[in-house]
Amino acid sequence: MWTWAQCISIGRRCGTGCRRCLKWHEKNLPDSVTAYFPLPKTPELTPEQEERLIAFIEKNVGIPYTHEEHFDELMELWNLSFPTSEHKPEQSDREWKRLGFQGDNPATDFRAAGVLPVRCLSHFAQMYPDKYQEVLKRSHGTCVEDSFPFACAAINLSHLLTDAMKLKNHSEPPNTDPAAAHMRAMFGLMLEHDANAFQELVCIVFMALDDEWVRTHATYMTFPIVLKTIREKTHSALRHPSSNSCAAFARRMNVNLYGAVSEP
């Protein structure tokens, strides 16, 4: 058995040209180690794919959440999450904690990620209602110690993805990080086949987080460790040359969202 140092050294020399290295490290090394391997060739997007990527960013990324503009969307999420609830919370209401917000006013939690997490959770609830309700129910736990903040998790995961790919409004300085450029290009390929590709990625990553929560018997105090593991796994999956579709990304994340999980 090779040591991690040997694998990293060989990976740096061989890059993606050595099938033996690729197959071995994919099956035997953790994501925190495979991140040291060279990036595969970044796909070159067509002008149409670039325009689609830019349009998504302009419409969804960096849009501040305000109750005045987006409270209807938040209420739609509430109704999808608790369809039988007669209580309809106000803009500031302790009931929002049922959905996993930290305080009484959800607007304060959205500052880092804007309105995008609301749209992602609504997509999750509409497209995969059974899985959504299963994760929401498990987030409540039996006590505070074995619960995790559902809405805050979605905010963290949305930010994780936008930050990994450096999805920024064109008014901001361009990012030249090669790893981010590669992941951004892979996302551009996904958008060609699915206009809701980002929302799908959040669903996949959220299910991976839930799986990790269950697998490790995590607690509220160890939630940051679960997030760190999912961050590494997500980066590794987005870097992989096979992740040119949401279904392929789900397979890399070992998430059964579209059917049986199998090795690509």
Protein backbone atom coordinates (compact mmCIF):
# COMPACT_ATOMS: atom_id res chain seq x y z
CA MET A 1 0.00 0.00 0.00
CA TRP A 2 1.37 3.40 -0.98
CA THR A 3 1.64 6.19 1.59
CA TRP A 4 -0.34 9.40 1.13
CA ALA A 5 2.91 11.31 0.45
CA GLN A 6 3.83 8.84 -2.32
CA CYS A 7 0.38 9.14 -3.89
CA ILE A 8 0.50 12.93 -3.85
CA SER A 9 4.00 12.90 -5.35
CA ILE A 10 3.00 10.45 -8.08
CA GLY A 11 -0.23 12.33 -8.74
CA ARG A 12 1.68 15.57 -9.23
CA ARG A 13 4.05 13.92 -11.71
CA CYS A 14 1.48 11.91 -13.62
CA GLY A 15 -1.48 14.28 -13.54
CA THR A 16 -4.49 12.79 -15.29
CA GLY A 17 -2.41 10.73 -17.69
CA CYS A 18 -1.90 7.74 -15.40
CA ARG A 19 -4.98 5.51 -15.20
CA ARG A 20 -3.50 3.51 -12.33
CA CYS A 21 -3.05 6.64 -10.20
CA LEU A 22 -6.52 7.93 -10.99
CA LYS A 23 -8.36 4.72 -10.20
CA TRP A 24 -6.36 4.11 -7.04
CA HIS A 25 -6.65 7.56 -5.48
CA GLU A 26 -10.35 7.89 -6.31
CA LYS A 27 -11.16 4.72 -4.38
CA ASN A 28 -8.65 4.89 -1.55
CA LEU A 29 -7.82 8.49 -0.68
CA PRO A 30 -10.01 11.03 1.13
CA ASP A 31 -11.10 14.20 -0.64
CA SER A 32 -8.76 16.29 1.51
CA VAL A 33 -5.82 14.46 -0.13
CA THR A 34 -7.06 14.23 -3.74
CA ALA A 35 -7.34 18.03 -3.73
CA TYR A 36 -3.53 18.08 -4.11
CA PHE A 37 -3.68 16.31 -7.47
CA PRO A 38 -3.48 18.40 -10.64
CA LEU A 39 -6.71 19.64 -12.17
CA PRO A 40 -8.02 17.86 -15.25
CA LYS A 41 -8.25 19.95 -18.41
CA THR A 42 -10.84 22.69 -17.97
CA PRO A 43 -13.59 22.45 -20.61
CA GLU A 44 -13.93 25.48 -22.87
CA LEU A 45 -17.46 26.83 -22.82
CA THR A 46 -19.18 27.97 -26.00
CA PRO A 47 -20.38 31.60 -26.19
CA GLU A 48 -23.93 30.34 -25.60
CA GLN A 49 -22.85 28.40 -22.50
CA GLU A 50 -20.98 31.46 -21.20
CA GLU A 51 -24.06 33.64 -21.72
CA ARG A 52 -26.23 31.13 -19.85
CA LEU A 53 -23.76 31.08 -16.93
CA ILE A 54 -23.60 34.88 -16.79
CA ALA A 55 -27.39 35.14 -16.92
CA PHE A 56 -27.73 32.76 -13.96
CA ILE A 57 -25.21 34.74 -11.92
CA GLU A 58 -26.82 38.09 -12.69
CA LYS A 59 -30.27 36.82 -11.77
CA ASN A 60 -29.45 34.81 -8.64
CA VAL A 61 -26.06 35.51 -7.06
CA GLY A 62 -25.45 38.38 -4.70
CA ILE A 63 -29.11 39.43 -4.60
CA PRO A 64 -29.71 40.68 -1.04
CA TYR A 65 -32.76 39.27 0.71
CA THR A 66 -35.29 41.86 1.85
CA HIS A 67 -38.72 41.22 3.32
CA GLU A 68 -40.14 43.91 1.04
CA GLU A 69 -39.10 42.07 -2.14
CA HIS A 70 -38.83 38.42 -1.13
CA PHE A 71 -41.13 37.70 1.82
CA ASP A 72 -43.66 36.04 -0.52
CA GLU A 73 -40.96 33.58 -1.58
CA LEU A 74 -40.11 32.89 2.05
CA MET A 75 -43.78 32.29 2.87
CA GLU A 76 -44.02 29.87 -0.06
CA LEU A 77 -41.12 27.96 1.48
CA TRP A 78 -42.90 27.93 4.85
CA ASN A 79 -46.07 26.51 3.26
CA LEU A 80 -44.08 23.85 1.42
CA SER A 81 -42.29 22.91 4.64
CA PHE A 82 -45.36 22.88 6.92
CA PRO A 83 -48.36 22.36 4.61
CA THR A 84 -50.77 21.52 7.45
CA SER A 85 -49.72 24.36 9.75
CA GLU A 86 -52.42 26.95 10.37
CA HIS A 87 -49.94 29.44 11.79
CA LYS A 88 -48.49 31.87 9.24
CA PRO A 89 -45.48 33.60 10.77
CA GLU A 90 -44.91 37.32 10.57
CA GLN A 91 -41.68 38.79 9.21
CA SER A 92 -40.26 38.60 12.73
CA ASP A 93 -41.63 35.56 14.53
CA ARG A 94 -40.13 32.90 16.80
CA GLU A 95 -41.82 30.25 14.62
CA TRP A 96 -39.09 30.71 12.01
CA LYS A 97 -36.82 28.72 14.30
CA ARG A 98 -38.89 25.64 13.38
CA LEU A 99 -37.41 25.97 9.90
CA GLY A 100 -33.91 26.19 11.30
CA PHE A 101 -33.23 29.93 11.40
CA GLN A 102 -31.08 31.19 14.24
CA GLY A 103 -33.37 34.00 15.37
CA ASP A 104 -36.84 35.41 15.00
CA ASN A 105 -36.04 37.38 11.84
CA PRO A 106 -34.80 35.26 8.89
CA ALA A 107 -33.52 38.33 7.07
CA THR A 108 -30.54 38.48 9.44
CA ASP A 109 -29.47 34.94 8.47
CA PHE A 110 -29.57 35.63 4.72
CA ARG A 111 -26.94 38.36 4.77
CA ALA A 112 -24.10 36.12 3.51
CA ALA A 113 -25.96 34.30 0.72
CA GLY A 114 -28.87 36.55 -0.23
CA VAL A 115 -32.17 35.20 -1.51
CA LEU A 116 -30.66 32.21 -3.35
CA PRO A 117 -31.01 29.70 -0.46
CA VAL A 118 -34.77 30.39 -0.27
CA ARG A 119 -35.13 29.49 -3.94
CA CYS A 120 -32.96 26.41 -3.54
CA LEU A 121 -34.98 25.09 -0.58
CA SER A 122 -38.28 25.77 -2.38
CA HIS A 123 -36.96 23.81 -5.36
CA PHE A 124 -35.93 20.95 -3.06
CA ALA A 125 -39.38 20.90 -1.44
CA GLN A 126 -41.24 21.04 -4.76
CA MET A 127 -39.17 18.57 -6.75
CA TYR A 128 -38.34 16.02 -4.02
CA PRO A 129 -41.01 16.52 -1.32
CA ASP A 130 -40.49 13.15 0.40
CA LYS A 131 -36.72 13.54 0.65
CA TYR A 132 -37.12 17.17 1.72
CA GLN A 133 -39.51 16.30 4.53
CA GLU A 134 -37.27 13.43 5.63
CA VAL A 135 -34.24 15.72 5.99
CA LEU A 136 -36.30 18.49 7.62
CA LYS A 137 -37.74 16.05 10.16
CA ARG A 138 -34.32 14.60 10.97
CA SER A 139 -32.88 18.11 11.47
CA HIS A 140 -35.26 18.57 14.41
CA GLY A 141 -33.87 15.54 16.24
CA THR A 142 -35.21 14.47 19.61
CA CYS A 143 -33.44 17.28 21.48
CA VAL A 144 -31.27 20.32 20.78
CA GLU A 145 -28.08 18.25 21.00
CA ASP A 146 -28.95 15.93 18.10
CA SER A 147 -30.53 18.64 15.89
CA PHE A 148 -29.00 20.85 13.22
CA PRO A 149 -30.20 24.24 11.89
CA PHE A 150 -31.98 23.30 8.66
CA ALA A 151 -32.31 26.72 7.02
CA CYS A 152 -28.85 27.79 8.17
CA ALA A 153 -27.44 24.60 6.66
CA ALA A 154 -29.00 25.53 3.30
CA ILE A 155 -27.50 29.02 3.56
CA ASN A 156 -24.08 27.52 4.28
CA LEU A 157 -24.33 25.05 1.38
CA SER A 158 -25.46 27.71 -1.10
CA HIS A 159 -22.53 29.86 -0.05
CA LEU A 160 -20.21 26.85 -0.23
CA LEU A 161 -21.09 26.32 -3.90
CA THR A 162 -20.99 29.96 -4.99
CA ASP A 163 -17.68 30.43 -3.17
CA ALA A 164 -16.11 27.24 -4.58
CA MET A 165 -16.93 28.30 -8.14
CA LYS A 166 -16.37 32.01 -7.41
CA LEU A 167 -19.72 32.91 -8.94
CA LYS A 168 -19.61 36.68 -8.84
CA ASN A 169 -21.56 39.50 -10.37
CA HIS A 170 -19.72 41.10 -13.29
CA SER A 171 -19.47 44.34 -11.35
CA GLU A 172 -16.95 42.57 -9.09
CA PRO A 173 -13.30 41.92 -10.02
CA PRO A 174 -12.86 38.65 -11.99
CA ASN A 175 -11.40 35.65 -10.19
CA THR A 176 -8.43 33.87 -11.75
CA ASP A 177 -8.18 30.85 -9.43
CA PRO A 178 -7.76 27.84 -11.79
CA ALA A 179 -9.64 25.43 -9.53
CA ALA A 180 -12.62 27.80 -9.32
CA ALA A 181 -12.48 28.38 -13.10
CA HIS A 182 -12.59 24.62 -13.68
CA MET A 183 -15.55 24.10 -11.34
CA ARG A 184 -17.32 27.09 -12.87
CA ALA A 185 -16.89 25.61 -16.34
CA MET A 186 -18.30 22.27 -15.18
CA PHE A 187 -21.29 24.13 -13.79
CA GLY A 188 -21.67 25.90 -17.13
CA LEU A 189 -21.98 22.49 -18.80
CA MET A 190 -24.65 21.46 -16.29
CA LEU A 191 -26.68 24.62 -16.96
CA GLU A 192 -26.90 23.72 -20.63
CA HIS A 193 -28.97 20.66 -19.75
CA ASP A 194 -30.81 22.00 -16.69
CA ALA A 195 -31.69 25.64 -16.02
CA ASN A 196 -32.12 24.68 -12.33
CA ALA A 197 -28.70 23.06 -12.09
CA PHE A 198 -27.60 25.15 -9.11
CA GLN A 199 -30.75 24.30 -7.17
CA GLU A 200 -30.15 20.64 -8.01
CA LEU A 201 -26.57 20.86 -6.74
CA VAL A 202 -27.82 22.26 -3.44
CA CYS A 203 -30.30 19.37 -3.14
CA ILE A 204 -27.50 16.87 -3.77
CA VAL A 205 -25.07 18.50 -1.33
CA PHE A 206 -27.81 18.81 1.30
CA MET A 207 -28.56 15.09 1.01
CA ALA A 208 -24.85 14.33 1.28
CA LEU A 209 -24.73 16.43 4.45
CA ASP A 210 -27.71 14.56 5.85
CA ASP A 211 -26.05 11.22 5.05
CA GLU A 212 -22.85 12.36 6.77
CA TRP A 213 -24.86 13.55 9.78
CA VAL A 214 -26.44 10.11 10.14
CA ARG A 215 -23.26 8.15 9.36
CA THR A 216 -21.16 9.95 11.98
CA HIS A 217 -23.92 10.23 14.63
CA ALA A 218 -23.18 13.96 14.61
CA THR A 219 -24.44 16.47 17.16
CA TYR A 220 -25.13 20.18 17.12
CA MET A 221 -21.60 20.80 18.41
CA THR A 222 -19.97 18.69 15.68
CA PHE A 223 -22.04 20.21 12.85
CA PRO A 224 -19.09 22.38 11.69
CA ILE A 225 -17.04 19.20 11.24
CA VAL A 226 -19.79 17.73 9.05
CA LEU A 227 -19.82 20.92 6.98
CA LYS A 228 -16.04 20.75 6.53
CA THR A 229 -16.25 17.16 5.31
CA ILE A 230 -19.00 18.05 2.82
CA ARG A 231 -17.01 21.06 1.61
CA GLU A 232 -14.03 18.83 0.77
CA LYS A 233 -16.25 16.22 -0.86
CA THR A 234 -18.05 18.86 -2.94
CA HIS A 235 -14.82 20.44 -4.16
CA SER A 236 -13.48 17.02 -5.14
CA ALA A 237 -16.68 16.08 -7.01
CA LEU A 238 -16.87 19.39 -8.90
CA ARG A 239 -13.24 19.05 -9.97
CA HIS A 240 -13.79 15.61 -11.48
CA PRO A 241 -13.93 15.53 -15.31
CA SER A 242 -17.02 13.29 -15.26
CA SER A 243 -19.11 15.85 -13.33
CA ASN A 244 -20.60 17.51 -16.40
CA SER A 245 -24.20 16.88 -15.32
CA CYS A 246 -26.15 16.96 -12.07
CA ALA A 247 -26.64 13.19 -12.22
CA ALA A 248 -22.88 12.63 -12.61
CA PHE A 249 -22.19 15.01 -9.72
CA ALA A 250 -24.70 13.09 -7.57
CA ARG A 251 -22.85 9.86 -8.31
CA ARG A 252 -19.55 11.45 -7.30
CA MET A 253 -21.21 12.57 -4.05
CA ASN A 254 -22.68 9.07 -3.57
CA VAL A 255 -26.17 10.55 -3.36
CA ASN A 256 -29.18 8.60 -4.61
CA LEU A 257 -31.36 11.41 -6.00
CA TYR A 258 -31.97 10.22 -9.56
CA GLY A 259 -31.82 6.46 -9.11
CA ALA A 260 -29.30 3.85 -8.07
CA VAL A 261 -25.83 5.16 -7.27
CA SER A 262 -23.06 3.52 -9.28
CA GLU A 263 -19.46 4.26 -10.01
CA PRO A 264 -19.05 6.43 -13.15
